[in-house]
């Protein structure tokens, strides 16, 4: 928890804002639970995390990939 906000609350808020933005650009976007439903089909999955750091000047993102069939399992 930072500044009274839990990571879960922050990430859900960001996810919904990003979904609205994507829809405004003509995309389908859904906010799913942390466990993707079996056999869910999508072109992309994005997982949000708010990693903490004692260095308050730290900024950025990280990308992790796992190549497999596009059907969730």
PDB file of N, CA and C in Angstrom:
ATOM      1  N   UNK A   1       0.850  -1.165   0.000  1.00  0.00           N
ATOM      2  CA  UNK A   1       0.000   0.000   0.000  1.00  0.00           C
ATOM      3  C   UNK A   1       0.900   1.233   0.000  1.00  0.00           C
ATOM      4  N   UNK A   2       0.555   2.192  -0.835  1.00  0.00           N
ATOM      5  CA  UNK A   2       1.294   3.451  -0.884  1.00  0.00           C
ATOM      6  C   UNK A   2       0.292   4.589  -0.941  1.00  0.00           C
ATOM      7  N   UNK A   3       0.499   5.578  -0.112  1.00  0.00           N
ATOM      8  CA  UNK A   3      -0.389   6.745  -0.052  1.00  0.00           C
ATOM      9  C   UNK A   3      -1.844   6.322   0.151  1.00  0.00           C
ATOM     10  N   UNK A   4      -2.049   5.219   0.873  1.00  0.00           N
ATOM     11  CA  UNK A   4      -3.401   4.764   1.173  1.00  0.00           C
ATOM     12  C   UNK A   4      -4.093   4.032   0.039  1.00  0.00           C
ATOM     13  N   UNK A   5      -3.367   3.726  -1.033  1.00  0.00           N
ATOM     14  CA  UNK A   5      -3.959   3.037  -2.192  1.00  0.00           C
ATOM     15  C   UNK A   5      -3.312   1.670  -2.332  1.00  0.00           C
ATOM     16  N   UNK A   6      -4.148   0.640  -2.433  1.00  0.00           N
ATOM     17  CA  UNK A   6      -3.635  -0.714  -2.633  1.00  0.00           C
ATOM     18  C   UNK A   6      -3.328  -0.938  -4.115  1.00  0.00           C
ATOM     19  N   UNK A   7      -2.333  -1.782  -4.402  1.00  0.00           N
ATOM     20  CA  UNK A   7      -1.948  -2.076  -5.783  1.00  0.00           C
ATOM     21  C   UNK A   7      -3.147  -2.548  -6.598  1.00  0.00           C
ATOM     22  N   UNK A   8      -3.963  -3.414  -6.020  1.00  0.00           N
ATOM     23  CA  UNK A   8      -5.130  -3.932  -6.725  1.00  0.00           C
ATOM     24  C   UNK A   8      -6.055  -2.802  -7.174  1.00  0.00           C
ATOM     25  N   UNK A   9      -6.360  -1.881  -6.257  1.00  0.00           N
ATOM     26  CA  UNK A   9      -7.257  -0.773  -6.582  1.00  0.00           C
ATOM     27  C   UNK A   9      -6.681   0.098  -7.695  1.00  0.00           C
ATOM     28  N   UNK A  10      -5.397   0.397  -7.616  1.00  0.00           N
ATOM     29  CA  UNK A  10      -4.741   1.209  -8.629  1.00  0.00           C
ATOM     30  C   UNK A  10      -4.775   0.519  -9.988  1.00  0.00           C
ATOM     31  N   UNK A  11      -4.425  -0.762 -10.020  1.00  0.00           N
ATOM     32  CA  UNK A  11      -4.363  -1.481 -11.288  1.00  0.00           C
ATOM     33  C   UNK A  11      -5.731  -1.655 -11.931  1.00  0.00           C
ATOM     34  N   UNK A  12      -6.768  -1.901 -11.133  1.00  0.00           N
ATOM     35  CA  UNK A  12      -8.119  -2.032 -11.683  1.00  0.00           C
ATOM     36  C   UNK A  12      -8.564  -0.695 -12.274  1.00  0.00           C
ATOM     37  N   UNK A  13      -8.279   0.398 -11.588  1.00  0.00           N
ATOM     38  CA  UNK A  13      -8.618   1.724 -12.109  1.00  0.00           C
ATOM     39  C   UNK A  13      -7.904   1.978 -13.440  1.00  0.00           C
ATOM     40  N   UNK A  14      -6.614   1.699 -13.487  1.00  0.00           N
ATOM     41  CA  UNK A  14      -5.845   1.896 -14.722  1.00  0.00           C
ATOM     42  C   UNK A  14      -6.386   1.002 -15.833  1.00  0.00           C
ATOM     43  N   UNK A  15      -6.690  -0.252 -15.518  1.00  0.00           N
ATOM     44  CA  UNK A  15      -7.205  -1.188 -16.529  1.00  0.00           C
ATOM     45  C   UNK A  15      -8.495  -0.668 -17.158  1.00  0.00           C
ATOM     46  N   UNK A  16      -9.396  -0.175 -16.344  1.00  0.00           N
ATOM     47  CA  UNK A  16     -10.656   0.350 -16.880  1.00  0.00           C
ATOM     48  C   UNK A  16     -10.426   1.603 -17.721  1.00  0.00           C
ATOM     49  N   UNK A  17      -9.514   2.457 -17.317  1.00  0.00           N
ATOM     50  CA  UNK A  17      -9.196   3.657 -18.104  1.00  0.00           C
ATOM     51  C   UNK A  17      -8.579   3.282 -19.453  1.00  0.00           C
ATOM     52  N   UNK A  18      -7.673   2.317 -19.451  1.00  0.00           N
ATOM     53  CA  UNK A  18      -7.048   1.877 -20.700  1.00  0.00           C
ATOM     54  C   UNK A  18      -8.088   1.226 -21.609  1.00  0.00           C
ATOM     55  N   UNK A  19      -8.991   0.434 -21.044  1.00  0.00           N
ATOM     56  CA  UNK A  19     -10.042  -0.207 -21.850  1.00  0.00           C
ATOM     57  C   UNK A  19     -10.917   0.845 -22.526  1.00  0.00           C
ATOM     58  N   UNK A  20     -11.279   1.901 -21.810  1.00  0.00           N
ATOM     59  CA  UNK A  20     -12.074   2.985 -22.406  1.00  0.00           C
ATOM     60  C   UNK A  20     -11.303   3.617 -23.555  1.00  0.00           C
ATOM     61  N   UNK A  21     -10.037   3.908 -23.346  1.00  0.00           N
ATOM     62  CA  UNK A  21      -9.191   4.502 -24.375  1.00  0.00           C
ATOM     63  C   UNK A  21      -9.132   3.608 -25.615  1.00  0.00           C
ATOM     64  N   UNK A  22      -8.915   2.320 -25.419  1.00  0.00           N
ATOM     65  CA  UNK A  22      -8.837   1.387 -26.544  1.00  0.00           C
ATOM     66  C   UNK A  22     -10.168   1.312 -27.303  1.00  0.00           C
ATOM     67  N   UNK A  23     -11.261   1.315 -26.572  1.00  0.00           N
ATOM     68  CA  UNK A  23     -12.580   1.286 -27.218  1.00  0.00           C
ATOM     69  C   UNK A  23     -12.817   2.547 -28.036  1.00  0.00           C
ATOM     70  N   UNK A  24     -12.365   3.689 -27.538  1.00  0.00           N
ATOM     71  CA  UNK A  24     -12.510   4.946 -28.280  1.00  0.00           C
ATOM     72  C   UNK A  24     -11.777   4.901 -29.612  1.00  0.00           C
ATOM     73  N   UNK A  25     -10.755   4.071 -29.690  1.00  0.00           N
ATOM     74  CA  UNK A  25      -9.987   3.902 -30.928  1.00  0.00           C
ATOM     75  C   UNK A  25     -10.537   2.757 -31.784  1.00  0.00           C
ATOM     76  N   UNK A  26     -11.697   2.224 -31.411  1.00  0.00           N
ATOM     77  CA  UNK A  26     -12.359   1.209 -32.225  1.00  0.00           C
ATOM     78  C   UNK A  26     -11.966  -0.222 -31.927  1.00  0.00           C
ATOM     79  N   UNK A  27     -11.319  -0.447 -30.806  1.00  0.00           N
ATOM     80  CA  UNK A  27     -10.905  -1.804 -30.429  1.00  0.00           C
ATOM     81  C   UNK A  27     -11.895  -2.418 -29.451  1.00  0.00           C
ATOM     82  N   UNK A  28     -11.893  -3.733 -29.377  1.00  0.00           N
ATOM     83  CA  UNK A  28     -12.587  -4.431 -28.301  1.00  0.00           C
ATOM     84  C   UNK A  28     -11.600  -4.522 -27.148  1.00  0.00           C
ATOM     85  N   UNK A  29     -12.043  -4.233 -25.948  1.00  0.00           N
ATOM     86  CA  UNK A  29     -11.170  -4.313 -24.780  1.00  0.00           C
ATOM     87  C   UNK A  29     -12.000  -4.749 -23.584  1.00  0.00           C
ATOM     88  N   UNK A  30     -11.489  -5.710 -22.848  1.00  0.00           N
ATOM     89  CA  UNK A  30     -12.195  -6.266 -21.698  1.00  0.00           C
ATOM     90  C   UNK A  30     -11.248  -6.332 -20.513  1.00  0.00           C
ATOM     91  N   UNK A  31     -11.745  -6.007 -19.351  1.00  0.00           N
ATOM     92  CA  UNK A  31     -10.976  -6.164 -18.115  1.00  0.00           C
ATOM     93  C   UNK A  31     -11.374  -7.513 -17.534  1.00  0.00           C
ATOM     94  N   UNK A  32     -10.408  -8.408 -17.464  1.00  0.00           N
ATOM     95  CA  UNK A  32     -10.647  -9.781 -17.011  1.00  0.00           C
ATOM     96  C   UNK A  32     -10.105  -9.985 -15.603  1.00  0.00           C
ATOM     97  N   UNK A  33     -10.538 -11.056 -14.951  1.00  0.00           N
ATOM     98  CA  UNK A  33      -9.933 -11.398 -13.652  1.00  0.00           C
ATOM     99  C   UNK A  33      -8.474 -11.803 -13.861  1.00  0.00           C
ATOM    100  N   UNK A  34      -7.739 -11.899 -12.788  1.00  0.00           N
ATOM    101  CA  UNK A  34      -6.314 -12.216 -12.907  1.00  0.00           C
ATOM    102  C   UNK A  34      -6.065 -13.590 -13.517  1.00  0.00           C
ATOM    103  N   UNK A  35      -7.017 -14.489 -13.410  1.00  0.00           N
ATOM    104  CA  UNK A  35      -6.914 -15.790 -14.069  1.00  0.00           C
ATOM    105  C   UNK A  35      -7.785 -15.744 -15.315  1.00  0.00           C
ATOM    106  N   UNK A  36      -7.160 -15.865 -16.474  1.00  0.00           N
ATOM    107  CA  UNK A  36      -7.890 -15.790 -17.740  1.00  0.00           C
ATOM    108  C   UNK A  36      -8.773 -17.028 -17.876  1.00  0.00           C
ATOM    109  N   UNK A  37     -10.033 -16.830 -18.222  1.00  0.00           N
ATOM    110  CA  UNK A  37     -10.929 -17.977 -18.375  1.00  0.00           C
ATOM    111  C   UNK A  37     -10.395 -18.969 -19.418  1.00  0.00           C
ATOM    112  N   UNK A  38     -10.560 -20.267 -19.183  1.00  0.00           N
ATOM    113  CA  UNK A  38     -10.086 -21.277 -20.141  1.00  0.00           C
ATOM    114  C   UNK A  38     -10.670 -21.037 -21.537  1.00  0.00           C
ATOM    115  N   UNK A  39      -9.835 -21.219 -22.530  1.00  0.00           N
ATOM    116  CA  UNK A  39     -10.214 -21.129 -23.943  1.00  0.00           C
ATOM    117  C   UNK A  39     -10.632 -19.727 -24.369  1.00  0.00           C
ATOM    118  N   UNK A  40     -10.253 -18.707 -23.604  1.00  0.00           N
ATOM    119  CA  UNK A  40     -10.552 -17.322 -23.968  1.00  0.00           C
ATOM    120  C   UNK A  40      -9.645 -16.939 -25.136  1.00  0.00           C
ATOM    121  N   UNK A  41     -10.191 -16.364 -26.183  1.00  0.00           N
ATOM    122  CA  UNK A  41      -9.421 -15.983 -27.366  1.00  0.00           C
ATOM    123  C   UNK A  41      -9.177 -14.476 -27.346  1.00  0.00           C
ATOM    124  N   UNK A  42      -7.953 -14.078 -27.633  1.00  0.00           N
ATOM    125  CA  UNK A  42      -7.625 -12.652 -27.715  1.00  0.00           C
ATOM    126  C   UNK A  42      -6.377 -12.478 -28.556  1.00  0.00           C
ATOM    127  N   UNK A  43      -6.242 -11.314 -29.157  1.00  0.00           N
ATOM    128  CA  UNK A  43      -5.025 -10.994 -29.901  1.00  0.00           C
ATOM    129  C   UNK A  43      -3.888 -10.605 -28.966  1.00  0.00           C
ATOM    130  N   UNK A  44      -4.238 -10.081 -27.795  1.00  0.00           N
ATOM    131  CA  UNK A  44      -3.215  -9.675 -26.823  1.00  0.00           C
ATOM    132  C   UNK A  44      -3.796  -9.720 -25.418  1.00  0.00           C
ATOM    133  N   UNK A  45      -2.944 -10.045 -24.470  1.00  0.00           N
ATOM    134  CA  UNK A  45      -3.279  -9.978 -23.054  1.00  0.00           C
ATOM    135  C   UNK A  45      -2.273  -9.032 -22.413  1.00  0.00           C
ATOM    136  N   UNK A  46      -2.746  -8.149 -21.550  1.00  0.00           N
ATOM    137  CA  UNK A  46      -1.868  -7.214 -20.842  1.00  0.00           C
ATOM    138  C   UNK A  46      -2.112  -7.386 -19.351  1.00  0.00           C
ATOM    139  N   UNK A  47      -1.052  -7.636 -18.613  1.00  0.00           N
ATOM    140  CA  UNK A  47      -1.142  -7.751 -17.152  1.00  0.00           C
ATOM    141  C   UNK A  47      -0.542  -6.486 -16.547  1.00  0.00           C
ATOM    142  N   UNK A  48      -1.272  -5.839 -15.654  1.00  0.00           N
ATOM    143  CA  UNK A  48      -0.795  -4.622 -15.009  1.00  0.00           C
ATOM    144  C   UNK A  48      -0.263  -4.937 -13.617  1.00  0.00           C
ATOM    145  N   UNK A  49       0.861  -4.327 -13.293  1.00  0.00           N
ATOM    146  CA  UNK A  49       1.453  -4.453 -11.968  1.00  0.00           C
ATOM    147  C   UNK A  49       2.000  -3.086 -11.580  1.00  0.00           C
ATOM    148  N   UNK A  50       1.965  -2.764 -10.324  1.00  0.00           N
ATOM    149  CA  UNK A  50       2.538  -1.514  -9.827  1.00  0.00           C
ATOM    150  C   UNK A  50       3.687  -1.872  -8.903  1.00  0.00           C
ATOM    151  N   UNK A  51       4.840  -2.064  -9.488  1.00  0.00           N
ATOM    152  CA  UNK A  51       5.999  -2.471  -8.707  1.00  0.00           C
ATOM    153  C   UNK A  51       6.543  -1.287  -7.906  1.00  0.00           C
ATOM    154  N   UNK A  52       6.840  -1.527  -6.660  1.00  0.00           N
ATOM    155  CA  UNK A  52       7.380  -0.479  -5.811  1.00  0.00           C
ATOM    156  C   UNK A  52       8.888  -0.366  -5.945  1.00  0.00           C
ATOM    157  N   UNK A  53       9.403   0.799  -5.570  1.00  0.00           N
ATOM    158  CA  UNK A  53      10.838   1.029  -5.590  1.00  0.00           C
ATOM    159  C   UNK A  53      11.136   2.152  -4.608  1.00  0.00           C
ATOM    160  N   UNK A  54      12.172   1.991  -3.812  1.00  0.00           N
ATOM    161  CA  UNK A  54      12.540   3.037  -2.863  1.00  0.00           C
ATOM    162  C   UNK A  54      13.075   4.285  -3.566  1.00  0.00           C
ATOM    163  N   UNK A  55      13.556   4.137  -4.788  1.00  0.00           N
ATOM    164  CA  UNK A  55      14.042   5.271  -5.575  1.00  0.00           C
ATOM    165  C   UNK A  55      12.839   5.937  -6.241  1.00  0.00           C
ATOM    166  N   UNK A  56      12.392   7.058  -5.685  1.00  0.00           N
ATOM    167  CA  UNK A  56      11.178   7.715  -6.173  1.00  0.00           C
ATOM    168  C   UNK A  56      11.347   8.307  -7.567  1.00  0.00           C
ATOM    169  N   UNK A  57      12.568   8.377  -8.086  1.00  0.00           N
ATOM    170  CA  UNK A  57      12.773   8.891  -9.443  1.00  0.00           C
ATOM    171  C   UNK A  57      12.658   7.779 -10.492  1.00  0.00           C
ATOM    172  N   UNK A  58      12.551   6.534 -10.050  1.00  0.00           N
ATOM    173  CA  UNK A  58      12.469   5.405 -10.975  1.00  0.00           C
ATOM    174  C   UNK A  58      11.149   5.456 -11.739  1.00  0.00           C
ATOM    175  N   UNK A  59      11.221   5.285 -13.040  1.00  0.00           N
ATOM    176  CA  UNK A  59      10.042   5.289 -13.906  1.00  0.00           C
ATOM    177  C   UNK A  59      10.256   4.251 -14.993  1.00  0.00           C
ATOM    178  N   UNK A  60       9.179   3.821 -15.609  1.00  0.00           N
ATOM    179  CA  UNK A  60       9.338   2.935 -16.752  1.00  0.00           C
ATOM    180  C   UNK A  60       8.377   1.783 -16.739  1.00  0.00           C
ATOM    181  N   UNK A  61       8.706   0.794 -17.503  1.00  0.00           N
ATOM    182  CA  UNK A  61       7.874  -0.384 -17.651  1.00  0.00           C
ATOM    183  C   UNK A  61       8.777  -1.565 -17.938  1.00  0.00           C
ATOM    184  N   UNK A  62       8.193  -2.732 -17.875  1.00  0.00           N
ATOM    185  CA  UNK A  62       8.924  -3.931 -18.256  1.00  0.00           C
ATOM    186  C   UNK A  62       8.004  -4.811 -19.080  1.00  0.00           C
ATOM    187  N   UNK A  63       8.583  -5.583 -19.936  1.00  0.00           N
ATOM    188  CA  UNK A  63       7.819  -6.469 -20.813  1.00  0.00           C
ATOM    189  C   UNK A  63       8.307  -7.892 -20.592  1.00  0.00           C
ATOM    190  N   UNK A  64       7.369  -8.796 -20.420  1.00  0.00           N
ATOM    191  CA  UNK A  64       7.687 -10.213 -20.315  1.00  0.00           C
ATOM    192  C   UNK A  64       6.808 -10.947 -21.319  1.00  0.00           C
ATOM    193  N   UNK A  65       7.397 -11.840 -22.058  1.00  0.00           N
ATOM    194  CA  UNK A  65       6.620 -12.579 -23.054  1.00  0.00           C
ATOM    195  C   UNK A  65       6.724 -14.070 -22.796  1.00  0.00           C
ATOM    196  N   UNK A  66       5.711 -14.750 -23.210  1.00  0.00           N
ATOM    197  CA  UNK A  66       5.693 -16.196 -23.155  1.00  0.00           C
ATOM    198  C   UNK A  66       4.952 -16.627 -24.411  1.00  0.00           C
ATOM    199  N   UNK A  67       5.635 -17.155 -25.371  1.00  0.00           N
ATOM    200  CA  UNK A  67       5.028 -17.504 -26.652  1.00  0.00           C
ATOM    201  C   UNK A  67       4.382 -18.873 -26.563  1.00  0.00           C
ATOM    202  N   UNK A  68       3.132 -18.927 -26.926  1.00  0.00           N
ATOM    203  CA  UNK A  68       2.381 -20.182 -26.923  1.00  0.00           C
ATOM    204  C   UNK A  68       1.170 -20.004 -27.823  1.00  0.00           C
ATOM    205  N   UNK A  69       0.318 -21.010 -27.892  1.00  0.00           N
ATOM    206  CA  UNK A  69      -0.937 -20.862 -28.617  1.00  0.00           C
ATOM    207  C   UNK A  69      -1.709 -19.688 -28.073  1.00  0.00           C
ATOM    208  N   UNK A  70      -2.499 -19.060 -28.909  1.00  0.00           N
ATOM    209  CA  UNK A  70      -3.252 -17.894 -28.470  1.00  0.00           C
ATOM    210  C   UNK A  70      -4.504 -18.259 -27.687  1.00  0.00           C
ATOM    211  N   UNK A  71      -4.770 -19.538 -27.523  1.00  0.00           N
ATOM    212  CA  UNK A  71      -5.898 -19.971 -26.707  1.00  0.00           C
ATOM    213  C   UNK A  71      -5.406 -20.085 -25.269  1.00  0.00           C
ATOM    214  N   UNK A  72      -6.091 -19.409 -24.358  1.00  0.00           N
ATOM    215  CA  UNK A  72      -5.697 -19.476 -22.958  1.00  0.00           C
ATOM    216  C   UNK A  72      -5.895 -20.893 -22.431  1.00  0.00           C
ATOM    217  N   UNK A  73      -4.991 -21.304 -21.592  1.00  0.00           N
ATOM    218  CA  UNK A  73      -5.118 -22.650 -21.028  1.00  0.00           C
ATOM    219  C   UNK A  73      -4.852 -22.606 -19.533  1.00  0.00           C
TER     220      UNK A  73
END
